């Protein structure tokens, strides 16, 4: 397991988010990115989570809605990665995967595209 404190990991996530193509992030509406240590169940299996209403389902989405969240879990990433380069790559993949869920792309399609 890699060792990286929460602040350093959050900075890495922000760096990777900044490197994503503008076309991918410009359409994000009412979404916040959050870094947490682990999922609620305490497992190390889940790297990220999209918690919200996909863009394709927002016909009933209205003003005053709480922001959707894209959560990146620190400890599962550190458990899975052997070095910084691998960690950056995995965080990048997690961000793309969870942003895709915002756009309404499901896991089956993400597997087809190589992002799952």
N, C-alpha and C. Protein backbone atom coordinates (compact mmCIF):
# COMPACT_ATOMS: atom_id res chain seq x y z
N UNK A 1 0.84 -1.19 0.00
CA UNK A 1 0.00 0.00 0.00
C UNK A 1 0.89 1.24 0.00
N UNK A 2 0.55 2.18 -0.87
CA UNK A 2 1.25 3.46 -0.88
C UNK A 2 0.87 4.26 0.36
N UNK A 3 1.71 5.21 0.69
CA UNK A 3 1.43 6.11 1.81
C UNK A 3 1.35 7.53 1.27
N UNK A 4 0.21 8.18 1.50
CA UNK A 4 0.03 9.58 1.09
C UNK A 4 -1.05 10.17 1.99
N UNK A 5 -0.77 11.31 2.58
CA UNK A 5 -1.76 11.91 3.46
C UNK A 5 -2.92 12.51 2.65
N UNK A 6 -3.97 12.86 3.36
CA UNK A 6 -5.20 13.31 2.72
C UNK A 6 -4.99 14.59 1.89
N UNK A 7 -4.19 15.53 2.40
CA UNK A 7 -3.97 16.78 1.67
C UNK A 7 -3.22 16.54 0.36
N UNK A 8 -2.20 15.72 0.41
CA UNK A 8 -1.42 15.42 -0.80
C UNK A 8 -2.28 14.68 -1.82
N UNK A 9 -3.10 13.75 -1.35
CA UNK A 9 -3.98 13.02 -2.27
C UNK A 9 -5.00 13.96 -2.90
N UNK A 10 -5.58 14.84 -2.11
CA UNK A 10 -6.55 15.79 -2.66
C UNK A 10 -5.89 16.69 -3.71
N UNK A 11 -4.66 17.11 -3.48
CA UNK A 11 -3.94 17.91 -4.47
C UNK A 11 -3.72 17.13 -5.75
N UNK A 12 -3.41 15.85 -5.62
CA UNK A 12 -3.23 15.00 -6.79
C UNK A 12 -4.54 14.89 -7.58
N UNK A 13 -5.66 14.73 -6.88
CA UNK A 13 -6.96 14.64 -7.55
C UNK A 13 -7.25 15.94 -8.29
N UNK A 14 -6.99 17.08 -7.66
CA UNK A 14 -7.20 18.38 -8.31
C UNK A 14 -6.32 18.50 -9.55
N UNK A 15 -5.06 18.09 -9.45
CA UNK A 15 -4.16 18.13 -10.60
C UNK A 15 -4.69 17.29 -11.75
N UNK A 16 -5.15 16.09 -11.43
CA UNK A 16 -5.68 15.21 -12.48
C UNK A 16 -6.97 15.77 -13.07
N UNK A 17 -7.79 16.37 -12.25
CA UNK A 17 -9.02 17.00 -12.74
C UNK A 17 -8.69 18.14 -13.68
N UNK A 18 -7.68 18.92 -13.35
CA UNK A 18 -7.25 20.04 -14.20
C UNK A 18 -6.72 19.57 -15.55
N UNK A 19 -6.25 18.35 -15.62
CA UNK A 19 -5.68 17.82 -16.87
C UNK A 19 -6.72 17.19 -17.79
N UNK A 20 -7.95 17.04 -17.31
CA UNK A 20 -8.99 16.47 -18.16
C UNK A 20 -9.36 17.47 -19.26
N UNK A 21 -9.79 16.96 -20.40
CA UNK A 21 -10.16 17.86 -21.51
C UNK A 21 -11.31 18.78 -21.14
N UNK A 22 -11.23 20.01 -21.63
CA UNK A 22 -12.28 21.00 -21.36
C UNK A 22 -13.66 20.48 -21.77
N UNK A 23 -13.73 19.73 -22.88
CA UNK A 23 -15.00 19.22 -23.37
C UNK A 23 -15.67 18.30 -22.35
N UNK A 24 -14.86 17.68 -21.51
CA UNK A 24 -15.39 16.76 -20.52
C UNK A 24 -15.90 17.50 -19.28
N UNK A 25 -15.21 18.52 -18.86
CA UNK A 25 -15.56 19.18 -17.60
C UNK A 25 -16.42 20.43 -17.77
N UNK A 26 -16.41 21.04 -18.95
CA UNK A 26 -17.19 22.27 -19.14
C UNK A 26 -18.69 22.03 -18.99
N UNK A 27 -19.17 20.84 -19.29
CA UNK A 27 -20.59 20.56 -19.20
C UNK A 27 -21.07 20.16 -17.82
N UNK A 28 -20.15 20.02 -16.87
CA UNK A 28 -20.55 19.63 -15.52
C UNK A 28 -21.34 20.76 -14.88
N UNK A 29 -22.54 20.44 -14.46
CA UNK A 29 -23.43 21.44 -13.89
C UNK A 29 -23.87 21.00 -12.52
N UNK A 30 -23.64 21.82 -11.51
CA UNK A 30 -24.07 21.56 -10.15
C UNK A 30 -23.44 20.26 -9.62
N UNK A 31 -22.13 20.14 -9.80
CA UNK A 31 -21.38 18.96 -9.37
C UNK A 31 -20.20 19.42 -8.52
N UNK A 32 -19.99 18.75 -7.39
CA UNK A 32 -18.81 19.00 -6.57
C UNK A 32 -17.98 17.72 -6.51
N UNK A 33 -16.68 17.90 -6.40
CA UNK A 33 -15.75 16.78 -6.25
C UNK A 33 -15.32 16.71 -4.79
N UNK A 34 -15.37 15.50 -4.25
CA UNK A 34 -15.09 15.28 -2.84
C UNK A 34 -14.09 14.14 -2.73
N UNK A 35 -13.12 14.29 -1.82
CA UNK A 35 -12.20 13.20 -1.50
C UNK A 35 -12.55 12.70 -0.11
N UNK A 36 -12.74 11.39 -0.01
CA UNK A 36 -12.99 10.75 1.28
C UNK A 36 -12.00 9.59 1.43
N UNK A 37 -11.77 9.18 2.68
CA UNK A 37 -10.82 8.09 2.91
C UNK A 37 -11.31 6.76 2.36
N UNK A 38 -12.53 6.38 2.72
CA UNK A 38 -13.10 5.09 2.31
C UNK A 38 -14.60 5.23 2.09
N UNK A 39 -15.17 4.27 1.35
CA UNK A 39 -16.63 4.22 1.26
C UNK A 39 -17.24 3.95 2.63
N UNK A 40 -18.53 4.21 2.77
CA UNK A 40 -19.22 4.04 4.05
C UNK A 40 -19.08 2.63 4.60
N UNK A 41 -19.02 1.62 3.72
CA UNK A 41 -18.92 0.23 4.20
C UNK A 41 -17.51 -0.14 4.63
N UNK A 42 -16.56 0.77 4.47
CA UNK A 42 -15.19 0.54 4.92
C UNK A 42 -14.35 -0.30 3.98
N UNK A 43 -14.91 -0.71 2.86
CA UNK A 43 -14.17 -1.59 1.93
C UNK A 43 -13.10 -0.82 1.17
N UNK A 44 -12.23 -1.58 0.55
CA UNK A 44 -11.20 -1.01 -0.31
C UNK A 44 -11.49 -1.31 -1.78
N UNK A 45 -12.70 -1.77 -2.06
CA UNK A 45 -13.04 -2.19 -3.42
C UNK A 45 -13.50 -1.05 -4.33
N UNK A 46 -14.10 -0.03 -3.77
CA UNK A 46 -14.69 1.04 -4.55
C UNK A 46 -13.73 2.23 -4.61
N UNK A 47 -13.37 2.65 -5.84
CA UNK A 47 -12.44 3.76 -6.02
C UNK A 47 -13.13 5.11 -6.08
N UNK A 48 -14.36 5.13 -6.59
CA UNK A 48 -15.08 6.37 -6.72
C UNK A 48 -16.57 6.13 -6.81
N UNK A 49 -17.32 7.22 -6.71
CA UNK A 49 -18.78 7.11 -6.74
C UNK A 49 -19.36 8.40 -7.30
N UNK A 50 -20.33 8.25 -8.20
CA UNK A 50 -21.13 9.39 -8.64
C UNK A 50 -22.42 9.34 -7.85
N UNK A 51 -22.69 10.38 -7.09
CA UNK A 51 -23.87 10.47 -6.26
C UNK A 51 -24.71 11.63 -6.77
N UNK A 52 -25.68 11.31 -7.61
CA UNK A 52 -26.50 12.38 -8.16
C UNK A 52 -27.44 11.89 -9.23
N UNK A 53 -27.97 12.83 -9.97
CA UNK A 53 -28.92 12.56 -11.03
C UNK A 53 -28.23 12.84 -12.37
N UNK A 54 -28.09 11.79 -13.18
CA UNK A 54 -27.39 11.92 -14.46
C UNK A 54 -28.04 12.98 -15.34
N UNK A 55 -27.24 13.59 -16.16
CA UNK A 55 -27.72 14.63 -17.07
C UNK A 55 -28.88 14.13 -17.92
N UNK A 56 -28.83 12.87 -18.31
CA UNK A 56 -29.88 12.28 -19.14
C UNK A 56 -31.19 12.11 -18.39
N UNK A 57 -31.19 12.26 -17.07
CA UNK A 57 -32.39 12.09 -16.26
C UNK A 57 -32.85 13.40 -15.61
N UNK A 58 -32.29 14.51 -16.03
CA UNK A 58 -32.55 15.77 -15.35
C UNK A 58 -33.78 16.51 -15.85
N UNK A 59 -34.68 15.85 -16.54
CA UNK A 59 -35.90 16.52 -16.97
C UNK A 59 -36.69 17.04 -15.79
N UNK A 60 -36.62 16.34 -14.67
CA UNK A 60 -37.34 16.75 -13.47
C UNK A 60 -36.43 17.46 -12.47
N UNK A 61 -35.25 17.80 -12.90
CA UNK A 61 -34.24 18.45 -12.07
C UNK A 61 -34.58 19.93 -11.99
N UNK A 62 -34.59 20.49 -10.80
CA UNK A 62 -35.02 21.88 -10.68
C UNK A 62 -34.05 22.76 -9.94
N UNK A 63 -34.43 23.99 -9.83
CA UNK A 63 -33.63 24.98 -9.11
C UNK A 63 -33.55 24.60 -7.64
N UNK A 64 -32.46 24.92 -7.01
CA UNK A 64 -32.30 24.68 -5.59
C UNK A 64 -31.89 23.27 -5.23
N UNK A 65 -31.61 22.44 -6.22
CA UNK A 65 -31.16 21.08 -5.94
C UNK A 65 -29.77 21.11 -5.32
N UNK A 66 -29.54 20.21 -4.38
CA UNK A 66 -28.19 20.06 -3.85
C UNK A 66 -27.28 19.61 -4.97
N UNK A 67 -26.02 19.97 -4.92
CA UNK A 67 -25.12 19.54 -6.00
C UNK A 67 -24.92 18.03 -5.99
N UNK A 68 -24.75 17.48 -7.19
CA UNK A 68 -24.32 16.10 -7.31
C UNK A 68 -22.90 16.03 -6.79
N UNK A 69 -22.48 14.82 -6.40
CA UNK A 69 -21.12 14.65 -5.90
C UNK A 69 -20.40 13.57 -6.67
N UNK A 70 -19.15 13.84 -6.96
CA UNK A 70 -18.25 12.81 -7.44
C UNK A 70 -17.24 12.61 -6.32
N UNK A 71 -17.26 11.41 -5.76
CA UNK A 71 -16.41 11.09 -4.62
C UNK A 71 -15.25 10.22 -5.09
N UNK A 72 -14.04 10.60 -4.70
CA UNK A 72 -12.84 9.80 -4.97
C UNK A 72 -12.33 9.32 -3.62
N UNK A 73 -12.16 8.01 -3.50
CA UNK A 73 -11.74 7.41 -2.24
C UNK A 73 -10.23 7.22 -2.20
N UNK A 74 -9.60 7.79 -1.19
CA UNK A 74 -8.14 7.80 -1.06
C UNK A 74 -7.57 6.41 -0.75
N UNK A 75 -8.02 5.78 0.31
CA UNK A 75 -7.39 4.54 0.75
C UNK A 75 -7.51 3.40 -0.28
N UNK A 76 -8.64 3.22 -0.95
CA UNK A 76 -8.68 2.19 -1.98
C UNK A 76 -7.68 2.44 -3.12
N UNK A 77 -7.51 3.71 -3.48
CA UNK A 77 -6.51 4.03 -4.51
C UNK A 77 -5.11 3.68 -4.02
N UNK A 78 -4.80 4.09 -2.80
CA UNK A 78 -3.46 3.82 -2.27
C UNK A 78 -3.21 2.33 -2.11
N UNK A 79 -4.25 1.57 -1.77
CA UNK A 79 -4.13 0.13 -1.62
C UNK A 79 -3.87 -0.56 -2.95
N UNK A 80 -4.42 -0.02 -4.01
CA UNK A 80 -4.34 -0.65 -5.33
C UNK A 80 -3.07 -0.29 -6.10
N UNK A 81 -2.46 0.84 -5.78
CA UNK A 81 -1.37 1.36 -6.60
C UNK A 81 -0.01 1.18 -5.94
N UNK A 82 0.99 0.88 -6.77
CA UNK A 82 2.34 0.61 -6.26
C UNK A 82 3.22 1.85 -6.25
N UNK A 83 2.92 2.83 -7.13
CA UNK A 83 3.78 4.01 -7.20
C UNK A 83 2.95 5.22 -7.66
N UNK A 84 3.60 6.37 -7.67
CA UNK A 84 2.90 7.61 -7.98
C UNK A 84 2.34 7.63 -9.40
N UNK A 85 3.08 7.11 -10.35
CA UNK A 85 2.60 7.10 -11.74
C UNK A 85 1.33 6.25 -11.87
N UNK A 86 1.32 5.11 -11.21
CA UNK A 86 0.14 4.24 -11.25
C UNK A 86 -1.03 4.92 -10.53
N UNK A 87 -0.75 5.60 -9.44
CA UNK A 87 -1.79 6.31 -8.70
C UNK A 87 -2.42 7.41 -9.55
N UNK A 88 -1.59 8.19 -10.21
CA UNK A 88 -2.12 9.25 -11.08
C UNK A 88 -3.01 8.67 -12.17
N UNK A 89 -2.56 7.57 -12.76
CA UNK A 89 -3.32 6.93 -13.83
C UNK A 89 -4.67 6.42 -13.30
N UNK A 90 -4.66 5.83 -12.13
CA UNK A 90 -5.90 5.28 -11.55
C UNK A 90 -6.86 6.39 -11.15
N UNK A 91 -6.35 7.48 -10.60
CA UNK A 91 -7.21 8.62 -10.24
C UNK A 91 -7.81 9.21 -11.52
N UNK A 92 -7.02 9.34 -12.55
CA UNK A 92 -7.50 9.85 -13.84
C UNK A 92 -8.65 8.98 -14.36
N UNK A 93 -8.44 7.67 -14.35
CA UNK A 93 -9.47 6.74 -14.81
C UNK A 93 -10.73 6.85 -13.96
N UNK A 94 -10.57 6.96 -12.65
CA UNK A 94 -11.72 7.09 -11.75
C UNK A 94 -12.50 8.37 -12.05
N UNK A 95 -11.80 9.48 -12.25
CA UNK A 95 -12.49 10.73 -12.56
C UNK A 95 -13.27 10.63 -13.86
N UNK A 96 -12.65 10.08 -14.90
CA UNK A 96 -13.34 9.92 -16.19
C UNK A 96 -14.57 9.03 -16.01
N UNK A 97 -14.40 7.94 -15.28
CA UNK A 97 -15.49 6.98 -15.06
C UNK A 97 -16.68 7.66 -14.36
N UNK A 98 -16.40 8.38 -13.29
CA UNK A 98 -17.50 9.00 -12.53
C UNK A 98 -18.12 10.18 -13.28
N UNK A 99 -17.32 10.94 -14.00
CA UNK A 99 -17.87 12.02 -14.83
C UNK A 99 -18.76 11.43 -15.92
N UNK A 100 -18.37 10.29 -16.47
CA UNK A 100 -19.19 9.63 -17.49
C UNK A 100 -20.57 9.28 -16.93
N UNK A 101 -20.64 8.87 -15.67
CA UNK A 101 -21.93 8.59 -15.05
C UNK A 101 -22.78 9.86 -14.99
N UNK A 102 -22.17 11.01 -14.74
CA UNK A 102 -22.90 12.28 -14.76
C UNK A 102 -23.57 12.47 -16.13
N UNK A 103 -22.85 12.11 -17.20
CA UNK A 103 -23.38 12.27 -18.55
C UNK A 103 -24.34 11.15 -18.95
N UNK A 104 -24.57 10.19 -18.04
CA UNK A 104 -25.53 9.12 -18.31
C UNK A 104 -24.94 7.88 -18.95
N UNK A 105 -23.64 7.75 -18.95
CA UNK A 105 -22.98 6.57 -19.52
C UNK A 105 -22.89 5.50 -18.44
N UNK A 106 -23.44 4.31 -18.73
CA UNK A 106 -23.48 3.26 -17.71
C UNK A 106 -22.19 2.42 -17.71
N UNK A 107 -22.09 1.54 -16.71
CA UNK A 107 -20.88 0.73 -16.54
C UNK A 107 -20.61 -0.18 -17.73
N UNK A 108 -21.65 -0.75 -18.34
CA UNK A 108 -21.44 -1.63 -19.50
C UNK A 108 -20.75 -0.88 -20.63
N UNK A 109 -21.21 0.32 -20.91
CA UNK A 109 -20.60 1.13 -21.98
C UNK A 109 -19.18 1.55 -21.59
N UNK A 110 -18.97 1.87 -20.32
CA UNK A 110 -17.63 2.23 -19.87
C UNK A 110 -16.68 1.06 -20.01
N UNK A 111 -17.14 -0.16 -19.76
CA UNK A 111 -16.31 -1.35 -19.98
C UNK A 111 -15.94 -1.47 -21.46
N UNK A 112 -16.89 -1.25 -22.32
CA UNK A 112 -16.64 -1.31 -23.77
C UNK A 112 -15.58 -0.30 -24.17
N UNK A 113 -15.62 0.87 -23.55
CA UNK A 113 -14.68 1.95 -23.88
C UNK A 113 -13.35 1.84 -23.17
N UNK A 114 -13.24 0.89 -22.22
CA UNK A 114 -11.99 0.70 -21.48
C UNK A 114 -11.82 1.63 -20.29
N UNK A 115 -12.91 2.19 -19.77
CA UNK A 115 -12.83 3.12 -18.64
C UNK A 115 -13.45 2.54 -17.37
N UNK A 116 -13.50 1.24 -17.28
CA UNK A 116 -14.08 0.61 -16.08
C UNK A 116 -13.20 -0.52 -15.60
